[in-house]
Amino acid sequence: MEAKEIYKLVSQKEWSGAQEAGEYSGSELDKKDGFIHLSTASQCKQTARLHYGGREDVLLVEVSTEKVRRSLRWDPAPSRNNELFPHIYGVIPMDAVTRVAPLPLTADGHTFPSWFPS
């Protein structure tokens, strides 16, 4: 797969912990599954709807694929028609994070920042 950036949706609390630790080691689900779930730009809005609907504490974290290439794998997701999703087998170091933005919740769902590819 080709993508310069991939995206992780996280709670503000999770992100605060990652900033203190100097790396993001994943959510409880990520830890259970053995890898960090991420999305491409084209997958991210559906991921927000399916897994973060109604939540007001969500942040969008943009990650450079170049900085995580050694731990990045593209795996099929059976729940999403075996579409390939980016997974990090390890942690996301802070120097791989290029941008972070809140995703305000509106009646229509989360509002993505103006810089986000649509």
PDB file of N, CA and C in Angstrom:
ATOM      1  N   MET A   1       0.841  -1.187   0.000  1.00  0.00           N
ATOM      2  CA  MET A   1       0.000   0.000   0.000  1.00  0.00           C
ATOM      3  C   MET A   1       0.883   1.246   0.000  1.00  0.00           C
ATOM      4  N   GLU A   2       0.358   2.279  -0.575  1.00  0.00           N
ATOM      5  CA  GLU A   2       1.068   3.553  -0.619  1.00  0.00           C
ATOM      6  C   GLU A   2       0.265   4.590   0.151  1.00  0.00           C
ATOM      7  N   ALA A   3       0.855   5.165   1.128  1.00  0.00           N
ATOM      8  CA  ALA A   3       0.255   6.270   1.870  1.00  0.00           C
ATOM      9  C   ALA A   3       1.389   6.954   2.612  1.00  0.00           C
ATOM     10  N   LYS A   4       1.403   8.272   2.568  1.00  0.00           N
ATOM     11  CA  LYS A   4       2.432   9.006   3.308  1.00  0.00           C
ATOM     12  C   LYS A   4       2.045   9.166   4.763  1.00  0.00           C
ATOM     13  N   GLU A   5       0.730   9.277   5.004  1.00  0.00           N
ATOM     14  CA  GLU A   5       0.238   9.431   6.361  1.00  0.00           C
ATOM     15  C   GLU A   5      -0.858   8.409   6.621  1.00  0.00           C
ATOM     16  N   ILE A   6      -0.913   7.977   7.856  1.00  0.00           N
ATOM     17  CA  ILE A   6      -1.995   7.132   8.335  1.00  0.00           C
ATOM     18  C   ILE A   6      -2.512   7.774   9.609  1.00  0.00           C
ATOM     19  N   TYR A   7      -3.672   7.323  10.081  1.00  0.00           N
ATOM     20  CA  TYR A   7      -4.356   8.040  11.148  1.00  0.00           C
ATOM     21  C   TYR A   7      -4.808   7.105  12.258  1.00  0.00           C
ATOM     22  N   LYS A   8      -4.696   7.617  13.470  1.00  0.00           N
ATOM     23  CA  LYS A   8      -5.169   6.920  14.657  1.00  0.00           C
ATOM     24  C   LYS A   8      -6.161   7.829  15.363  1.00  0.00           C
ATOM     25  N   LEU A   9      -7.300   7.276  15.733  1.00  0.00           N
ATOM     26  CA  LEU A   9      -8.263   7.998  16.553  1.00  0.00           C
ATOM     27  C   LEU A   9      -8.043   7.566  17.988  1.00  0.00           C
ATOM     28  N   VAL A  10      -7.905   8.533  18.871  1.00  0.00           N
ATOM     29  CA  VAL A  10      -7.622   8.248  20.282  1.00  0.00           C
ATOM     30  C   VAL A  10      -8.459   9.156  21.170  1.00  0.00           C
ATOM     31  N   SER A  11      -8.648   8.733  22.393  1.00  0.00           N
ATOM     32  CA  SER A  11      -9.293   9.602  23.374  1.00  0.00           C
ATOM     33  C   SER A  11      -8.262  10.610  23.882  1.00  0.00           C
ATOM     34  N   GLN A  12      -8.739  11.720  24.366  1.00  0.00           N
ATOM     35  CA  GLN A  12      -7.826  12.724  24.923  1.00  0.00           C
ATOM     36  C   GLN A  12      -7.030  12.153  26.083  1.00  0.00           C
ATOM     37  N   LYS A  13      -7.655  11.308  26.886  1.00  0.00           N
ATOM     38  CA  LYS A  13      -6.963  10.693  28.029  1.00  0.00           C
ATOM     39  C   LYS A  13      -5.824   9.780  27.553  1.00  0.00           C
ATOM     40  N   GLU A  14      -6.102   8.947  26.542  1.00  0.00           N
ATOM     41  CA  GLU A  14      -5.057   8.077  25.994  1.00  0.00           C
ATOM     42  C   GLU A  14      -3.888   8.903  25.459  1.00  0.00           C
ATOM     43  N   TRP A  15      -4.210   9.999  24.777  1.00  0.00           N
ATOM     44  CA  TRP A  15      -3.151  10.806  24.169  1.00  0.00           C
ATOM     45  C   TRP A  15      -2.317  11.503  25.234  1.00  0.00           C
ATOM     46  N   SER A  16      -2.939  11.956  26.292  1.00  0.00           N
ATOM     47  CA  SER A  16      -2.176  12.561  27.397  1.00  0.00           C
ATOM     48  C   SER A  16      -1.175  11.563  27.960  1.00  0.00           C
ATOM     49  N   GLY A  17      -1.618  10.324  28.131  1.00  0.00           N
ATOM     50  CA  GLY A  17      -0.718   9.278  28.626  1.00  0.00           C
ATOM     51  C   GLY A  17       0.425   9.010  27.666  1.00  0.00           C
ATOM     52  N   ALA A  18       0.130   9.034  26.372  1.00  0.00           N
ATOM     53  CA  ALA A  18       1.170   8.810  25.364  1.00  0.00           C
ATOM     54  C   ALA A  18       2.198   9.930  25.384  1.00  0.00           C
ATOM     55  N   GLN A  19       1.729  11.158  25.529  1.00  0.00           N
ATOM     56  CA  GLN A  19       2.654  12.289  25.572  1.00  0.00           C
ATOM     57  C   GLN A  19       3.576  12.187  26.783  1.00  0.00           C
ATOM     58  N   GLU A  20       3.026  11.777  27.914  1.00  0.00           N
ATOM     59  CA  GLU A  20       3.850  11.601  29.116  1.00  0.00           C
ATOM     60  C   GLU A  20       4.874  10.489  28.913  1.00  0.00           C
ATOM     61  N   ALA A  21       4.469   9.400  28.244  1.00  0.00           N
ATOM     62  CA  ALA A  21       5.351   8.249  28.032  1.00  0.00           C
ATOM     63  C   ALA A  21       6.354   8.480  26.905  1.00  0.00           C
ATOM     64  N   GLY A  22       6.047   9.425  26.006  1.00  0.00           N
ATOM     65  CA  GLY A  22       6.923   9.665  24.866  1.00  0.00           C
ATOM     66  C   GLY A  22       6.654   8.748  23.685  1.00  0.00           C
ATOM     67  N   GLU A  23       5.597   7.947  23.793  1.00  0.00           N
ATOM     68  CA  GLU A  23       5.197   7.047  22.713  1.00  0.00           C
ATOM     69  C   GLU A  23       3.776   6.582  22.962  1.00  0.00           C
ATOM     70  N   TYR A  24       3.113   6.173  21.885  1.00  0.00           N
ATOM     71  CA  TYR A  24       1.753   5.654  22.015  1.00  0.00           C
ATOM     72  C   TYR A  24       1.813   4.144  21.867  1.00  0.00           C
ATOM     73  N   SER A  25       1.380   3.428  22.901  1.00  0.00           N
ATOM     74  CA  SER A  25       1.453   1.965  22.887  1.00  0.00           C
ATOM     75  C   SER A  25       0.115   1.310  22.581  1.00  0.00           C
ATOM     76  N   GLY A  26      -0.920   2.105  22.333  1.00  0.00           N
ATOM     77  CA  GLY A  26      -2.197   1.548  21.907  1.00  0.00           C
ATOM     78  C   GLY A  26      -3.283   1.605  22.953  1.00  0.00           C
ATOM     79  N   SER A  27      -4.498   1.433  22.446  1.00  0.00           N
ATOM     80  CA  SER A  27      -5.684   1.366  23.313  1.00  0.00           C
ATOM     81  C   SER A  27      -5.774  -0.030  23.930  1.00  0.00           C
ATOM     82  N   GLU A  28      -6.756  -0.238  24.775  1.00  0.00           N
ATOM     83  CA  GLU A  28      -6.956  -1.573  25.353  1.00  0.00           C
ATOM     84  C   GLU A  28      -7.220  -2.596  24.244  1.00  0.00           C
ATOM     85  N   LEU A  29      -8.030  -2.217  23.243  1.00  0.00           N
ATOM     86  CA  LEU A  29      -8.303  -3.119  22.116  1.00  0.00           C
ATOM     87  C   LEU A  29      -7.030  -3.422  21.337  1.00  0.00           C
ATOM     88  N   ASP A  30      -6.227  -2.393  21.088  1.00  0.00           N
ATOM     89  CA  ASP A  30      -4.963  -2.598  20.379  1.00  0.00           C
ATOM     90  C   ASP A  30      -4.093  -3.605  21.127  1.00  0.00           C
ATOM     91  N   LYS A  31      -3.971  -3.413  22.421  1.00  0.00           N
ATOM     92  CA  LYS A  31      -3.127  -4.301  23.230  1.00  0.00           C
ATOM     93  C   LYS A  31      -3.664  -5.730  23.204  1.00  0.00           C
ATOM     94  N   LYS A  32      -4.990  -5.869  23.254  1.00  0.00           N
ATOM     95  CA  LYS A  32      -5.611  -7.194  23.192  1.00  0.00           C
ATOM     96  C   LYS A  32      -5.326  -7.862  21.847  1.00  0.00           C
ATOM     97  N   ASP A  33      -5.403  -7.085  20.762  1.00  0.00           N
ATOM     98  CA  ASP A  33      -5.201  -7.634  19.427  1.00  0.00           C
ATOM     99  C   ASP A  33      -3.733  -7.809  19.054  1.00  0.00           C
ATOM    100  N   GLY A  34      -2.820  -7.158  19.777  1.00  0.00           N
ATOM    101  CA  GLY A  34      -1.393  -7.320  19.527  1.00  0.00           C
ATOM    102  C   GLY A  34      -0.818  -6.355  18.503  1.00  0.00           C
ATOM    103  N   PHE A  35      -1.584  -5.343  18.127  1.00  0.00           N
ATOM    104  CA  PHE A  35      -1.111  -4.326  17.199  1.00  0.00           C
ATOM    105  C   PHE A  35      -1.980  -3.086  17.350  1.00  0.00           C
ATOM    106  N   ILE A  36      -1.478  -1.955  16.864  1.00  0.00           N
ATOM    107  CA  ILE A  36      -2.223  -0.698  16.921  1.00  0.00           C
ATOM    108  C   ILE A  36      -3.003  -0.541  15.620  1.00  0.00           C
ATOM    109  N   HIS A  37      -4.313  -0.416  15.756  1.00  0.00           N
ATOM    110  CA  HIS A  37      -5.206  -0.210  14.613  1.00  0.00           C
ATOM    111  C   HIS A  37      -5.109   1.230  14.134  1.00  0.00           C
ATOM    112  N   LEU A  38      -4.911   1.426  12.838  1.00  0.00           N
ATOM    113  CA  LEU A  38      -4.919   2.752  12.230  1.00  0.00           C
ATOM    114  C   LEU A  38      -5.799   2.697  10.985  1.00  0.00           C
ATOM    115  N   SER A  39      -5.972   3.846  10.360  1.00  0.00           N
ATOM    116  CA  SER A  39      -6.768   3.947   9.135  1.00  0.00           C
ATOM    117  C   SER A  39      -6.059   4.853   8.146  1.00  0.00           C
ATOM    118  N   THR A  40      -6.382   4.649   6.871  1.00  0.00           N
ATOM    119  CA  THR A  40      -5.953   5.599   5.854  1.00  0.00           C
ATOM    120  C   THR A  40      -6.938   6.764   5.881  1.00  0.00           C
ATOM    121  N   ALA A  41      -6.635   7.808   5.125  1.00  0.00           N
ATOM    122  CA  ALA A  41      -7.545   8.953   5.061  1.00  0.00           C
ATOM    123  C   ALA A  41      -8.921   8.525   4.557  1.00  0.00           C
ATOM    124  N   SER A  42      -8.965   7.640   3.569  1.00  0.00           N
ATOM    125  CA  SER A  42     -10.251   7.222   3.016  1.00  0.00           C
ATOM    126  C   SER A  42     -11.034   6.307   3.956  1.00  0.00           C
ATOM    127  N   GLN A  43     -10.388   5.702   4.928  1.00  0.00           N
ATOM    128  CA  GLN A  43     -11.044   4.801   5.881  1.00  0.00           C
ATOM    129  C   GLN A  43     -11.433   5.485   7.186  1.00  0.00           C
ATOM    130  N   CYS A  44     -10.826   6.625   7.455  1.00  0.00           N
ATOM    131  CA  CYS A  44     -10.889   7.239   8.782  1.00  0.00           C
ATOM    132  C   CYS A  44     -12.292   7.691   9.202  1.00  0.00           C
ATOM    133  N   LYS A  45     -13.037   8.277   8.306  1.00  0.00           N
ATOM    134  CA  LYS A  45     -14.364   8.778   8.674  1.00  0.00           C
ATOM    135  C   LYS A  45     -15.310   7.636   9.028  1.00  0.00           C
ATOM    136  N   GLN A  46     -15.216   6.527   8.306  1.00  0.00           N
ATOM    137  CA  GLN A  46     -16.042   5.377   8.652  1.00  0.00           C
ATOM    138  C   GLN A  46     -15.600   4.779   9.990  1.00  0.00           C
ATOM    139  N   THR A  47     -14.300   4.746  10.239  1.00  0.00           N
ATOM    140  CA  THR A  47     -13.802   4.265  11.530  1.00  0.00           C
ATOM    141  C   THR A  47     -14.351   5.127  12.660  1.00  0.00           C
ATOM    142  N   ALA A  48     -14.372   6.437  12.458  1.00  0.00           N
ATOM    143  CA  ALA A  48     -14.924   7.350  13.477  1.00  0.00           C
ATOM    144  C   ALA A  48     -16.393   7.036  13.731  1.00  0.00           C
ATOM    145  N   ARG A  49     -17.154   6.835  12.658  1.00  0.00           N
ATOM    146  CA  ARG A  49     -18.591   6.525  12.811  1.00  0.00           C
ATOM    147  C   ARG A  49     -18.800   5.200  13.532  1.00  0.00           C
ATOM    148  N   LEU A  50     -18.053   4.177  13.119  1.00  0.00           N
ATOM    149  CA  LEU A  50     -18.267   2.833  13.666  1.00  0.00           C
ATOM    150  C   LEU A  50     -17.786   2.665  15.101  1.00  0.00           C
ATOM    151  N   HIS A  51     -16.658   3.297  15.432  1.00  0.00           N
ATOM    152  CA  HIS A  51     -16.021   3.009  16.720  1.00  0.00           C
ATOM    153  C   HIS A  51     -16.006   4.173  17.711  1.00  0.00           C
ATOM    154  N   TYR A  52     -16.301   5.391  17.242  1.00  0.00           N
ATOM    155  CA  TYR A  52     -16.228   6.556  18.121  1.00  0.00           C
ATOM    156  C   TYR A  52     -17.497   7.408  18.066  1.00  0.00           C
ATOM    157  N   GLY A  53     -18.552   6.875  17.467  1.00  0.00           N
ATOM    158  CA  GLY A  53     -19.800   7.611  17.349  1.00  0.00           C
ATOM    159  C   GLY A  53     -20.312   8.081  18.707  1.00  0.00           C
ATOM    160  N   GLY A  54     -20.687   9.348  18.789  1.00  0.00           N
ATOM    161  CA  GLY A  54     -21.220   9.909  20.025  1.00  0.00           C
ATOM    162  C   GLY A  54     -20.176  10.336  21.043  1.00  0.00           C
ATOM    163  N   ARG A  55     -18.913  10.065  20.787  1.00  0.00           N
ATOM    164  CA  ARG A  55     -17.861  10.438  21.744  1.00  0.00           C
ATOM    165  C   ARG A  55     -17.344  11.836  21.456  1.00  0.00           C
ATOM    166  N   GLU A  56     -17.215  12.613  22.503  1.00  0.00           N
ATOM    167  CA  GLU A  56     -16.769  14.000  22.380  1.00  0.00           C
ATOM    168  C   GLU A  56     -15.284  14.193  22.662  1.00  0.00           C
ATOM    169  N   ASP A  57     -14.607  13.161  23.096  1.00  0.00           N
ATOM    170  CA  ASP A  57     -13.213  13.287  23.537  1.00  0.00           C
ATOM    171  C   ASP A  57     -12.213  12.725  22.535  1.00  0.00           C
ATOM    172  N   VAL A  58     -12.546  12.765  21.246  1.00  0.00           N
ATOM    173  CA  VAL A  58     -11.739  12.089  20.232  1.00  0.00           C
ATOM    174  C   VAL A  58     -10.740  13.047  19.576  1.00  0.00           C
ATOM    175  N   LEU A  59      -9.518  12.546  19.410  1.00  0.00           N
ATOM    176  CA  LEU A  59      -8.469  13.276  18.697  1.00  0.00           C
ATOM    177  C   LEU A  59      -8.076  12.478  17.455  1.00  0.00           C
ATOM    178  N   LEU A  60      -7.695  13.186  16.415  1.00  0.00           N
ATOM    179  CA  LEU A  60      -7.162  12.595  15.199  1.00  0.00           C
ATOM    180  C   LEU A  60      -5.649  12.769  15.237  1.00  0.00           C
ATOM    181  N   VAL A  61      -4.931  11.666  15.160  1.00  0.00           N
ATOM    182  CA  VAL A  61      -3.471  11.693  15.192  1.00  0.00           C
ATOM    183  C   VAL A  61      -2.961  11.256  13.820  1.00  0.00           C
ATOM    184  N   GLU A  62      -2.201  12.135  13.174  1.00  0.00           N
ATOM    185  CA  GLU A  62      -1.620  11.826  11.870  1.00  0.00           C
ATOM    186  C   GLU A  62      -0.210  11.277  12.097  1.00  0.00           C
ATOM    187  N   VAL A  63       0.079  10.156  11.452  1.00  0.00           N
ATOM    188  CA  VAL A  63       1.351   9.455  11.636  1.00  0.00           C
ATOM    189  C   VAL A  63       2.049   9.317  10.286  1.00  0.00           C
ATOM    190  N   SER A  64       3.327   9.640  10.239  1.00  0.00           N
ATOM    191  CA  SER A  64       4.129   9.484   9.034  1.00  0.00           C
ATOM    192  C   SER A  64       4.478   8.014   8.836  1.00  0.00           C
ATOM    193  N   THR A  65       4.107   7.457   7.686  1.00  0.00           N
ATOM    194  CA  THR A  65       4.437   6.050   7.429  1.00  0.00           C
ATOM    195  C   THR A  65       5.944   5.839   7.330  1.00  0.00           C
ATOM    196  N   GLU A  66       6.655   6.853   6.884  1.00  0.00           N
ATOM    197  CA  GLU A  66       8.107   6.747   6.774  1.00  0.00           C
ATOM    198  C   GLU A  66       8.746   6.470   8.144  1.00  0.00           C
ATOM    199  N   LYS A  67       8.206   7.092   9.180  1.00  0.00           N
ATOM    200  CA  LYS A  67       8.795   6.958  10.524  1.00  0.00           C
ATOM    201  C   LYS A  67       8.438   5.634  11.212  1.00  0.00           C
ATOM    202  N   VAL A  68       7.425   4.936  10.711  1.00  0.00           N
ATOM    203  CA  VAL A  68       7.001   3.676  11.347  1.00  0.00           C
ATOM    204  C   VAL A  68       7.100   2.484  10.389  1.00  0.00           C
ATOM    205  N   ARG A  69       7.800   2.655   9.275  1.00  0.00           N
ATOM    206  CA  ARG A  69       7.791   1.630   8.218  1.00  0.00           C
ATOM    207  C   ARG A  69       8.253   0.252   8.694  1.00  0.00           C
ATOM    208  N   ARG A  70       9.149   0.204   9.655  1.00  0.00           N
ATOM    209  CA  ARG A  70       9.637  -1.107  10.133  1.00  0.00           C
ATOM    210  C   ARG A  70       8.588  -1.892  10.907  1.00  0.00           C
ATOM    211  N   SER A  71       7.669  -1.182  11.547  1.00  0.00           N
ATOM    212  CA  SER A  71       6.643  -1.871  12.336  1.00  0.00           C
ATOM    213  C   SER A  71       5.253  -1.825  11.691  1.00  0.00           C
ATOM    214  N   LEU A  72       5.171  -1.272  10.467  1.00  0.00           N
ATOM    215  CA  LEU A  72       3.893  -1.115   9.766  1.00  0.00           C
ATOM    216  C   LEU A  72       3.608  -2.320   8.881  1.00  0.00           C
ATOM    217  N   ARG A  73       2.392  -2.846   9.024  1.00  0.00           N
ATOM    218  CA  ARG A  73       1.918  -3.914   8.135  1.00  0.00           C
ATOM    219  C   ARG A  73       0.526  -3.553   7.667  1.00  0.00           C
ATOM    220  N   TRP A  74       0.171  -4.010   6.490  1.00  0.00           N
ATOM    221  CA  TRP A  74      -1.154  -3.808   5.914  1.00  0.00           C
ATOM    222  C   TRP A  74      -1.860  -5.153   5.966  1.00  0.00           C
ATOM    223  N   ASP A  75      -2.883  -5.222   6.803  1.00  0.00           N
ATOM    224  CA  ASP A  75      -3.597  -6.479   7.013  1.00  0.00           C
ATOM    225  C   ASP A  75      -5.056  -6.338   6.584  1.00  0.00           C
ATOM    226  N   PRO A  76      -5.645  -7.427   6.065  1.00  0.00           N
ATOM    227  CA  PRO A  76      -7.061  -7.384   5.712  1.00  0.00           C
ATOM    228  C   PRO A  76      -7.932  -7.355   6.970  1.00  0.00           C
ATOM    229  N   ALA A  77      -9.009  -6.582   6.895  1.00  0.00           N
ATOM    230  CA  ALA A  77      -9.967  -6.502   8.003  1.00  0.00           C
ATOM    231  C   ALA A  77     -11.234  -7.232   7.586  1.00  0.00           C
ATOM    232  N   PRO A  78     -11.467  -8.423   8.138  1.00  0.00           N
ATOM    233  CA  PRO A  78     -12.653  -9.188   7.758  1.00  0.00           C
ATOM    234  C   PRO A  78     -13.970  -8.418   7.972  1.00  0.00           C
ATOM    235  N   SER A  79     -14.018  -7.592   9.004  1.00  0.00           N
ATOM    236  CA  SER A  79     -15.238  -6.838   9.282  1.00  0.00           C
ATOM    237  C   SER A  79     -15.482  -5.712   8.280  1.00  0.00           C
ATOM    238  N   ARG A  80     -14.492  -5.408   7.450  1.00  0.00           N
ATOM    239  CA  ARG A  80     -14.620  -4.335   6.453  1.00  0.00           C
ATOM    240  C   ARG A  80     -14.292  -4.879   5.057  1.00  0.00           C
ATOM    241  N   ASN A  81     -14.884  -6.023   4.713  1.00  0.00           N
ATOM    242  CA  ASN A  81     -14.737  -6.643   3.390  1.00  0.00           C
ATOM    243  C   ASN A  81     -13.284  -6.943   3.019  1.00  0.00           C
ATOM    244  N   ASN A  82     -12.493  -7.299   4.020  1.00  0.00           N
ATOM    245  CA  ASN A  82     -11.074  -7.626   3.831  1.00  0.00           C
ATOM    246  C   ASN A  82     -10.255  -6.492   3.230  1.00  0.00           C
ATOM    247  N   GLU A  83     -10.746  -5.276   3.397  1.00  0.00           N
ATOM    248  CA  GLU A  83      -9.978  -4.104   2.974  1.00  0.00           C
ATOM    249  C   GLU A  83      -8.690  -4.059   3.793  1.00  0.00           C
ATOM    250  N   LEU A  84      -7.594  -3.651   3.163  1.00  0.00           N
ATOM    251  CA  LEU A  84      -6.323  -3.578   3.875  1.00  0.00           C
ATOM    252  C   LEU A  84      -6.287  -2.345   4.767  1.00  0.00           C
ATOM    253  N   PHE A  85      -5.902  -2.569   6.019  1.00  0.00           N
ATOM    254  CA  PHE A  85      -5.772  -1.490   7.006  1.00  0.00           C
ATOM    255  C   PHE A  85      -4.348  -1.465   7.532  1.00  0.00           C
ATOM    256  N   PRO A  86      -3.849  -0.272   7.850  1.00  0.00           N
ATOM    257  CA  PRO A  86      -2.510  -0.184   8.429  1.00  0.00           C
ATOM    258  C   PRO A  86      -2.533  -0.566   9.911  1.00  0.00           C
ATOM    259  N   HIS A  87      -1.571  -1.377  10.289  1.00  0.00           N
ATOM    260  CA  HIS A  87      -1.406  -1.792  11.683  1.00  0.00           C
ATOM    261  C   HIS A  87       0.053  -1.592  12.075  1.00  0.00           C
ATOM    262  N   ILE A  88       0.262  -1.095  13.269  1.00  0.00           N
ATOM    263  CA  ILE A  88       1.608  -0.943  13.812  1.00  0.00           C
ATOM    264  C   ILE A  88       1.840  -2.073  14.813  1.00  0.00           C
ATOM    265  N   TYR A  89       2.868  -2.856  14.561  1.00  0.00           N
ATOM    266  CA  TYR A  89       3.262  -3.925  15.474  1.00  0.00           C
ATOM    267  C   TYR A  89       4.409  -3.386  16.311  1.00  0.00           C
ATOM    268  N   GLY A  90       4.049  -2.702  17.371  1.00  0.00           N
ATOM    269  CA  GLY A  90       5.004  -2.018  18.236  1.00  0.00           C
ATOM    270  C   GLY A  90       4.339  -0.779  18.789  1.00  0.00           C
ATOM    271  N   VAL A  91       5.083   0.297  18.876  1.00  0.00           N
ATOM    272  CA  VAL A  91       4.566   1.561  19.405  1.00  0.00           C
ATOM    273  C   VAL A  91       4.692   2.643  18.335  1.00  0.00           C
ATOM    274  N   ILE A  92       3.983   3.741  18.565  1.00  0.00           N
ATOM    275  CA  ILE A  92       4.119   4.911  17.702  1.00  0.00           C
ATOM    276  C   ILE A  92       4.972   5.922  18.457  1.00  0.00           C
ATOM    277  N   PRO A  93       6.200   6.163  18.009  1.00  0.00           N
ATOM    278  CA  PRO A  93       7.036   7.157  18.685  1.00  0.00           C
ATOM    279  C   PRO A  93       6.512   8.562  18.388  1.00  0.00           C
ATOM    280  N   MET A  94       6.712   9.472  19.306  1.00  0.00           N
ATOM    281  CA  MET A  94       6.214  10.836  19.128  1.00  0.00           C
ATOM    282  C   MET A  94       6.806  11.518  17.902  1.00  0.00           C
ATOM    283  N   ASP A  95       8.017  11.156  17.499  1.00  0.00           N
ATOM    284  CA  ASP A  95       8.585  11.811  16.319  1.00  0.00           C
ATOM    285  C   ASP A  95       7.937  11.337  15.015  1.00  0.00           C
ATOM    286  N   ALA A  96       7.088  10.315  15.071  1.00  0.00           N
ATOM    287  CA  ALA A  96       6.340   9.865  13.892  1.00  0.00           C
ATOM    288  C   ALA A  96       5.020  10.619  13.733  1.00  0.00           C
ATOM    289  N   VAL A  97       4.622  11.344  14.771  1.00  0.00           N
ATOM    290  CA  VAL A  97       3.352  12.076  14.755  1.00  0.00           C
ATOM    291  C   VAL A  97       3.572  13.437  14.100  1.00  0.00           C
ATOM    292  N   THR A  98       2.817  13.698  13.040  1.00  0.00           N
ATOM    293  CA  THR A  98       2.987  14.951  12.312  1.00  0.00           C
ATOM    294  C   THR A  98       1.949  15.996  12.684  1.00  0.00           C
ATOM    295  N   ARG A  99       0.750  15.562  13.067  1.00  0.00           N
ATOM    296  CA  ARG A  99      -0.296  16.506  13.492  1.00  0.00           C
ATOM    297  C   ARG A  99      -1.284  15.803  14.410  1.00  0.00           C
ATOM    298  N   VAL A 100      -1.897  16.597  15.280  1.00  0.00           N
ATOM    299  CA  VAL A 100      -2.958  16.116  16.161  1.00  0.00           C
ATOM    300  C   VAL A 100      -4.049  17.175  16.164  1.00  0.00           C
ATOM    301  N   ALA A 101      -5.294  16.738  16.042  1.00  0.00           N
ATOM    302  CA  ALA A 101      -6.401  17.698  16.039  1.00  0.00           C
ATOM    303  C   ALA A 101      -7.617  17.087  16.728  1.00  0.00           C
ATOM    304  N   PRO A 102      -8.380  17.911  17.438  1.00  0.00           N
ATOM    305  CA  PRO A 102      -9.624  17.424  18.017  1.00  0.00           C
ATOM    306  C   PRO A 102     -10.647  17.165  16.913  1.00  0.00           C
ATOM    307  N   LEU A 103     -11.560  16.245  17.173  1.00  0.00           N
ATOM    308  CA  LEU A 103     -12.663  15.970  16.254  1.00  0.00           C
ATOM    309  C   LEU A 103     -13.961  16.351  16.958  1.00  0.00           C
ATOM    310  N   PRO A 104     -14.371  17.609  16.834  1.00  0.00           N
ATOM    311  CA  PRO A 104     -15.605  18.048  17.491  1.00  0.00           C
ATOM    312  C   PRO A 104     -16.792  17.221  17.005  1.00  0.00           C
ATOM    313  N   LEU A 105     -17.700  16.960  17.918  1.00  0.00           N
ATOM    314  CA  LEU A 105     -18.890  16.177  17.612  1.00  0.00           C
ATOM    315  C   LEU A 105     -20.045  17.113  17.304  1.00  0.00           C
ATOM    316  N   THR A 106     -20.701  16.888  16.171  1.00  0.00           N
ATOM    317  CA  THR A 106     -21.887  17.658  15.787  1.00  0.00           C
ATOM    318  C   THR A 106     -23.040  16.675  15.592  1.00  0.00           C
ATOM    319  N   ALA A 107     -24.184  17.185  15.234  1.00  0.00           N
ATOM    320  CA  ALA A 107     -25.340  16.327  14.988  1.00  0.00           C
ATOM    321  C   ALA A 107     -25.082  15.369  13.823  1.00  0.00           C
ATOM    322  N   ASP A 108     -24.179  15.741  12.916  1.00  0.00           N
ATOM    323  CA  ASP A 108     -23.867  14.900  11.759  1.00  0.00           C
ATOM    324  C   ASP A 108     -22.671  13.984  11.978  1.00  0.00           C
ATOM    325  N   GLY A 109     -22.109  13.981  13.158  1.00  0.00           N
ATOM    326  CA  GLY A 109     -20.925  13.159  13.440  1.00  0.00           C
ATOM    327  C   GLY A 109     -19.729  14.036  13.730  1.00  0.00           C
ATOM    328  N   HIS A 110     -18.552  13.463  13.625  1.00  0.00           N
ATOM    329  CA  HIS A 110     -17.330  14.200  13.918  1.00  0.00           C
ATOM    330  C   HIS A 110     -16.954  15.113  12.755  1.00  0.00           C
ATOM    331  N   THR A 111     -16.443  16.278  13.104  1.00  0.00           N
ATOM    332  CA  THR A 111     -15.958  17.235  12.117  1.00  0.00           C
ATOM    333  C   THR A 111     -14.446  17.113  12.026  1.00  0.00           C
ATOM    334  N   PHE A 112     -13.968  16.789  10.833  1.00  0.00           N
ATOM    335  CA  PHE A 112     -12.537  16.629  10.620  1.00  0.00           C
ATOM    336  C   PHE A 112     -11.914  17.970  10.285  1.00  0.00           C
ATOM    337  N   PRO A 113     -10.626  18.150  10.617  1.00  0.00           N
ATOM    338  CA  PRO A 113      -9.977  19.454  10.361  1.00  0.00           C
ATOM    339  C   PRO A 113      -9.881  19.772   8.871  1.00  0.00           C
ATOM    340  N   SER A 114      -9.720  21.026   8.561  1.00  0.00           N
ATOM    341  CA  SER A 114      -9.684  21.469   7.161  1.00  0.00           C
ATOM    342  C   SER A 114      -8.503  20.874   6.399  1.00  0.00           C
ATOM    343  N   TRP A 115      -7.419  20.544   7.086  1.00  0.00           N
ATOM    344  CA  TRP A 115      -6.245  19.967   6.417  1.00  0.00           C
ATOM    345  C   TRP A 115      -6.396  18.485   6.100  1.00  0.00           C
ATOM    346  N   PHE A 116      -7.410  17.843   6.654  1.00  0.00           N
ATOM    347  CA  PHE A 116      -7.588  16.402   6.453  1.00  0.00           C
ATOM    348  C   PHE A 116      -8.010  16.117   5.007  1.00  0.00           C
ATOM    349  N   PRO A 117      -7.344  15.172   4.338  1.00  0.00           N
ATOM    350  CA  PRO A 117      -7.740  14.851   2.956  1.00  0.00           C
ATOM    351  C   PRO A 117      -9.156  14.303   2.909  1.00  0.00           C
ATOM    352  N   SER A 118      -9.979  14.846   2.034  1.00  0.00           N
ATOM    353  CA  SER A 118     -11.355  14.321   1.967  1.00  0.00           C
ATOM    354  C   SER A 118     -11.601  13.512   0.733  1.00  0.00           C
TER     355      SER A 118
END
